[in-house]
Protein backbone atom coordinates (compact mmCIF):
# COMPACT_ATOMS: atom_id res chain seq x y z
CA UNK A 1 0.00 0.00 0.00
CA UNK A 2 2.86 2.46 0.83
CA UNK A 3 4.59 1.90 -2.54
CA UNK A 4 1.34 2.48 -4.42
CA UNK A 5 0.70 5.75 -2.52
CA UNK A 6 4.18 7.13 -3.29
CA UNK A 7 3.82 6.29 -7.01
CA UNK A 8 0.55 8.30 -7.21
CA UNK A 9 2.00 11.16 -5.20
CA UNK A 10 5.03 11.67 -7.49
CA UNK A 11 3.14 13.15 -10.53
CA UNK A 12 1.25 15.56 -8.29
CA UNK A 13 4.49 16.67 -6.65
CA UNK A 14 6.11 17.31 -10.05
CA UNK A 15 3.07 19.28 -11.26
CA UNK A 16 3.00 21.31 -8.04
CA UNK A 17 6.73 22.07 -8.35
CA UNK A 18 6.25 23.16 -11.98
CA UNK A 19 3.39 25.49 -11.04
CA UNK A 20 5.50 27.01 -8.25
CA UNK A 21 8.42 27.62 -10.65
CA UNK A 22 6.17 29.23 -13.28
CA UNK A 23 4.41 31.40 -10.70
CA UNK A 24 7.71 32.48 -9.13
CA UNK A 25 9.17 33.36 -12.54
CA UNK A 26 6.09 35.41 -13.39
CA UNK A 27 6.28 37.33 -10.10
CA UNK A 28 9.97 38.15 -10.64
CA UNK A 29 9.41 39.31 -14.23
CA UNK A 30 6.41 41.40 -13.16
CA UNK A 31 8.42 43.15 -10.44
CA UNK A 32 11.25 43.85 -12.90
CA UNK A 33 8.77 45.46 -15.32
CA UNK A 34 7.44 47.71 -12.56
CA UNK A 35 10.97 48.71 -11.60
CA UNK A 36 11.84 49.58 -15.22
CA UNK A 37 8.74 51.82 -15.43
CA UNK A 38 9.91 53.73 -12.36
CA UNK A 39 13.33 54.22 -13.94
CA UNK A 40 11.72 56.04 -16.91
CA UNK A 41 10.92 59.11 -14.75
CA UNK A 42 12.59 62.16 -16.22
CA UNK A 43 15.46 63.52 -14.15
CA UNK A 44 13.86 66.99 -14.31
CA UNK A 45 10.67 65.68 -12.66
CA UNK A 46 12.64 64.26 -9.75
CA UNK A 47 13.41 67.73 -8.35
CA UNK A 48 10.40 69.56 -9.78
CA UNK A 49 8.93 70.69 -6.45
CA UNK A 50 10.62 72.62 -3.68
CA UNK A 51 9.34 73.13 -0.14
CA UNK A 52 10.06 76.65 1.13
CA UNK A 53 9.45 77.98 4.63
CA UNK A 54 9.79 81.80 4.51
CA UNK A 55 8.77 82.27 8.16
CA UNK A 56 7.31 80.37 11.11
CA UNK A 57 3.69 80.61 9.98
CA UNK A 58 3.87 79.81 6.24
CA UNK A 59 4.85 76.85 4.09
CA UNK A 60 5.16 77.24 0.32
CA UNK A 61 5.33 74.36 -2.17
CA UNK A 62 6.90 75.73 -5.36
CA UNK A 63 6.57 74.03 -8.77
CA UNK A 64 9.78 74.88 -10.64
CA UNK A 65 8.39 73.75 -14.01
CA UNK A 66 5.17 75.79 -14.15
CA UNK A 67 6.06 78.58 -11.70
CA UNK A 68 2.92 77.98 -9.61
CA UNK A 69 3.07 77.69 -5.86
CA UNK A 70 0.78 76.60 -3.05
CA UNK A 71 0.81 78.37 0.28
CA UNK A 72 -0.44 77.12 3.65
CA UNK A 73 -0.61 78.88 6.97
CA UNK A 74 0.58 76.76 9.86
CA UNK A 75 -1.10 78.60 12.74
CA UNK A 76 -4.82 77.88 13.17
CA UNK A 77 -5.62 81.31 14.57
CA UNK A 78 -4.45 83.30 11.54
CA UNK A 79 -5.52 83.04 7.91
CA UNK A 80 -6.79 80.04 5.94
CA UNK A 81 -5.60 76.61 7.01
CA UNK A 82 -5.94 74.87 3.63
CA UNK A 83 -3.66 74.99 0.62
CA UNK A 84 -4.22 77.80 -1.88
CA UNK A 85 -2.83 77.65 -5.40
CA UNK A 86 -1.32 80.94 -6.48
CA UNK A 87 0.38 82.01 -9.69
CA UNK A 88 3.97 83.02 -9.58
CA UNK A 89 4.70 86.70 -10.22
CA UNK A 90 7.56 85.65 -12.50
CA UNK A 91 5.49 83.37 -14.78
CA UNK A 92 3.86 84.94 -17.87
C-alpha atoms as a PDB file:
ATOM      1  CA  UNK A   1       0.000   0.000   0.000  1.00  0.00           C
ATOM      2  CA  UNK A   2       2.858   2.456   0.834  1.00  0.00           C
ATOM      3  CA  UNK A   3       4.587   1.897  -2.543  1.00  0.00           C
ATOM      4  CA  UNK A   4       1.338   2.484  -4.419  1.00  0.00           C
ATOM      5  CA  UNK A   5       0.705   5.750  -2.521  1.00  0.00           C
ATOM      6  CA  UNK A   6       4.179   7.133  -3.290  1.00  0.00           C
ATOM      7  CA  UNK A   7       3.815   6.289  -7.015  1.00  0.00           C
ATOM      8  CA  UNK A   8       0.551   8.296  -7.206  1.00  0.00           C
ATOM      9  CA  UNK A   9       2.002  11.163  -5.203  1.00  0.00           C
ATOM     10  CA  UNK A  10       5.035  11.669  -7.495  1.00  0.00           C
ATOM     11  CA  UNK A  11       3.144  13.154 -10.530  1.00  0.00           C
ATOM     12  CA  UNK A  12       1.247  15.564  -8.294  1.00  0.00           C
ATOM     13  CA  UNK A  13       4.493  16.672  -6.650  1.00  0.00           C
ATOM     14  CA  UNK A  14       6.107  17.306 -10.050  1.00  0.00           C
ATOM     15  CA  UNK A  15       3.066  19.277 -11.263  1.00  0.00           C
ATOM     16  CA  UNK A  16       2.998  21.306  -8.039  1.00  0.00           C
ATOM     17  CA  UNK A  17       6.731  22.072  -8.354  1.00  0.00           C
ATOM     18  CA  UNK A  18       6.248  23.158 -11.983  1.00  0.00           C
ATOM     19  CA  UNK A  19       3.389  25.487 -11.036  1.00  0.00           C
ATOM     20  CA  UNK A  20       5.499  27.013  -8.254  1.00  0.00           C
ATOM     21  CA  UNK A  21       8.420  27.623 -10.650  1.00  0.00           C
ATOM     22  CA  UNK A  22       6.172  29.229 -13.280  1.00  0.00           C
ATOM     23  CA  UNK A  23       4.409  31.401 -10.700  1.00  0.00           C
ATOM     24  CA  UNK A  24       7.714  32.480  -9.132  1.00  0.00           C
ATOM     25  CA  UNK A  25       9.170  33.358 -12.539  1.00  0.00           C
ATOM     26  CA  UNK A  26       6.093  35.408 -13.393  1.00  0.00           C
ATOM     27  CA  UNK A  27       6.284  37.333 -10.104  1.00  0.00           C
ATOM     28  CA  UNK A  28       9.965  38.150 -10.641  1.00  0.00           C
ATOM     29  CA  UNK A  29       9.411  39.308 -14.229  1.00  0.00           C
ATOM     30  CA  UNK A  30       6.407  41.404 -13.157  1.00  0.00           C
ATOM     31  CA  UNK A  31       8.422  43.150 -10.436  1.00  0.00           C
ATOM     32  CA  UNK A  32      11.248  43.853 -12.898  1.00  0.00           C
ATOM     33  CA  UNK A  33       8.765  45.456 -15.323  1.00  0.00           C
ATOM     34  CA  UNK A  34       7.443  47.711 -12.559  1.00  0.00           C
ATOM     35  CA  UNK A  35      10.967  48.709 -11.605  1.00  0.00           C
ATOM     36  CA  UNK A  36      11.844  49.579 -15.220  1.00  0.00           C
ATOM     37  CA  UNK A  37       8.743  51.824 -15.432  1.00  0.00           C
ATOM     38  CA  UNK A  38       9.909  53.731 -12.363  1.00  0.00           C
ATOM     39  CA  UNK A  39      13.331  54.223 -13.943  1.00  0.00           C
ATOM     40  CA  UNK A  40      11.717  56.044 -16.907  1.00  0.00           C
ATOM     41  CA  UNK A  41      10.917  59.111 -14.754  1.00  0.00           C
ATOM     42  CA  UNK A  42      12.590  62.155 -16.222  1.00  0.00           C
ATOM     43  CA  UNK A  43      15.458  63.523 -14.148  1.00  0.00           C
ATOM     44  CA  UNK A  44      13.857  66.990 -14.308  1.00  0.00           C
ATOM     45  CA  UNK A  45      10.672  65.684 -12.655  1.00  0.00           C
ATOM     46  CA  UNK A  46      12.638  64.259  -9.751  1.00  0.00           C
ATOM     47  CA  UNK A  47      13.414  67.732  -8.350  1.00  0.00           C
ATOM     48  CA  UNK A  48      10.404  69.562  -9.780  1.00  0.00           C
ATOM     49  CA  UNK A  49       8.928  70.692  -6.453  1.00  0.00           C
ATOM     50  CA  UNK A  50      10.616  72.622  -3.676  1.00  0.00           C
ATOM     51  CA  UNK A  51       9.339  73.129  -0.145  1.00  0.00           C
ATOM     52  CA  UNK A  52      10.060  76.652   1.129  1.00  0.00           C
ATOM     53  CA  UNK A  53       9.445  77.975   4.632  1.00  0.00           C
ATOM     54  CA  UNK A  54       9.791  81.798   4.506  1.00  0.00           C
ATOM     55  CA  UNK A  55       8.768  82.270   8.158  1.00  0.00           C
ATOM     56  CA  UNK A  56       7.306  80.371  11.115  1.00  0.00           C
ATOM     57  CA  UNK A  57       3.685  80.608   9.983  1.00  0.00           C
ATOM     58  CA  UNK A  58       3.866  79.809   6.245  1.00  0.00           C
ATOM     59  CA  UNK A  59       4.847  76.854   4.088  1.00  0.00           C
ATOM     60  CA  UNK A  60       5.164  77.235   0.318  1.00  0.00           C
ATOM     61  CA  UNK A  61       5.331  74.363  -2.166  1.00  0.00           C
ATOM     62  CA  UNK A  62       6.905  75.728  -5.360  1.00  0.00           C
ATOM     63  CA  UNK A  63       6.569  74.031  -8.771  1.00  0.00           C
ATOM     64  CA  UNK A  64       9.778  74.882 -10.643  1.00  0.00           C
ATOM     65  CA  UNK A  65       8.389  73.751 -14.007  1.00  0.00           C
ATOM     66  CA  UNK A  66       5.165  75.795 -14.146  1.00  0.00           C
ATOM     67  CA  UNK A  67       6.060  78.583 -11.705  1.00  0.00           C
ATOM     68  CA  UNK A  68       2.918  77.978  -9.608  1.00  0.00           C
ATOM     69  CA  UNK A  69       3.075  77.693  -5.857  1.00  0.00           C
ATOM     70  CA  UNK A  70       0.782  76.598  -3.050  1.00  0.00           C
ATOM     71  CA  UNK A  71       0.808  78.367   0.285  1.00  0.00           C
ATOM     72  CA  UNK A  72      -0.436  77.118   3.647  1.00  0.00           C
ATOM     73  CA  UNK A  73      -0.613  78.882   6.967  1.00  0.00           C
ATOM     74  CA  UNK A  74       0.580  76.765   9.860  1.00  0.00           C
ATOM     75  CA  UNK A  75      -1.099  78.604  12.735  1.00  0.00           C
ATOM     76  CA  UNK A  76      -4.819  77.885  13.169  1.00  0.00           C
ATOM     77  CA  UNK A  77      -5.624  81.307  14.574  1.00  0.00           C
ATOM     78  CA  UNK A  78      -4.446  83.298  11.537  1.00  0.00           C
ATOM     79  CA  UNK A  79      -5.523  83.040   7.911  1.00  0.00           C
ATOM     80  CA  UNK A  80      -6.787  80.044   5.937  1.00  0.00           C
ATOM     81  CA  UNK A  81      -5.604  76.608   7.012  1.00  0.00           C
ATOM     82  CA  UNK A  82      -5.935  74.867   3.635  1.00  0.00           C
ATOM     83  CA  UNK A  83      -3.656  74.987   0.622  1.00  0.00           C
ATOM     84  CA  UNK A  84      -4.216  77.804  -1.875  1.00  0.00           C
ATOM     85  CA  UNK A  85      -2.834  77.647  -5.403  1.00  0.00           C
ATOM     86  CA  UNK A  86      -1.316  80.935  -6.480  1.00  0.00           C
ATOM     87  CA  UNK A  87       0.383  82.006  -9.687  1.00  0.00           C
ATOM     88  CA  UNK A  88       3.967  83.024  -9.576  1.00  0.00           C
ATOM     89  CA  UNK A  89       4.704  86.696 -10.216  1.00  0.00           C
ATOM     90  CA  UNK A  90       7.561  85.650 -12.502  1.00  0.00           C
ATOM     91  CA  UNK A  91       5.493  83.372 -14.783  1.00  0.00           C
ATOM     92  CA  UNK A  92       3.860  84.935 -17.873  1.00  0.00           C
END
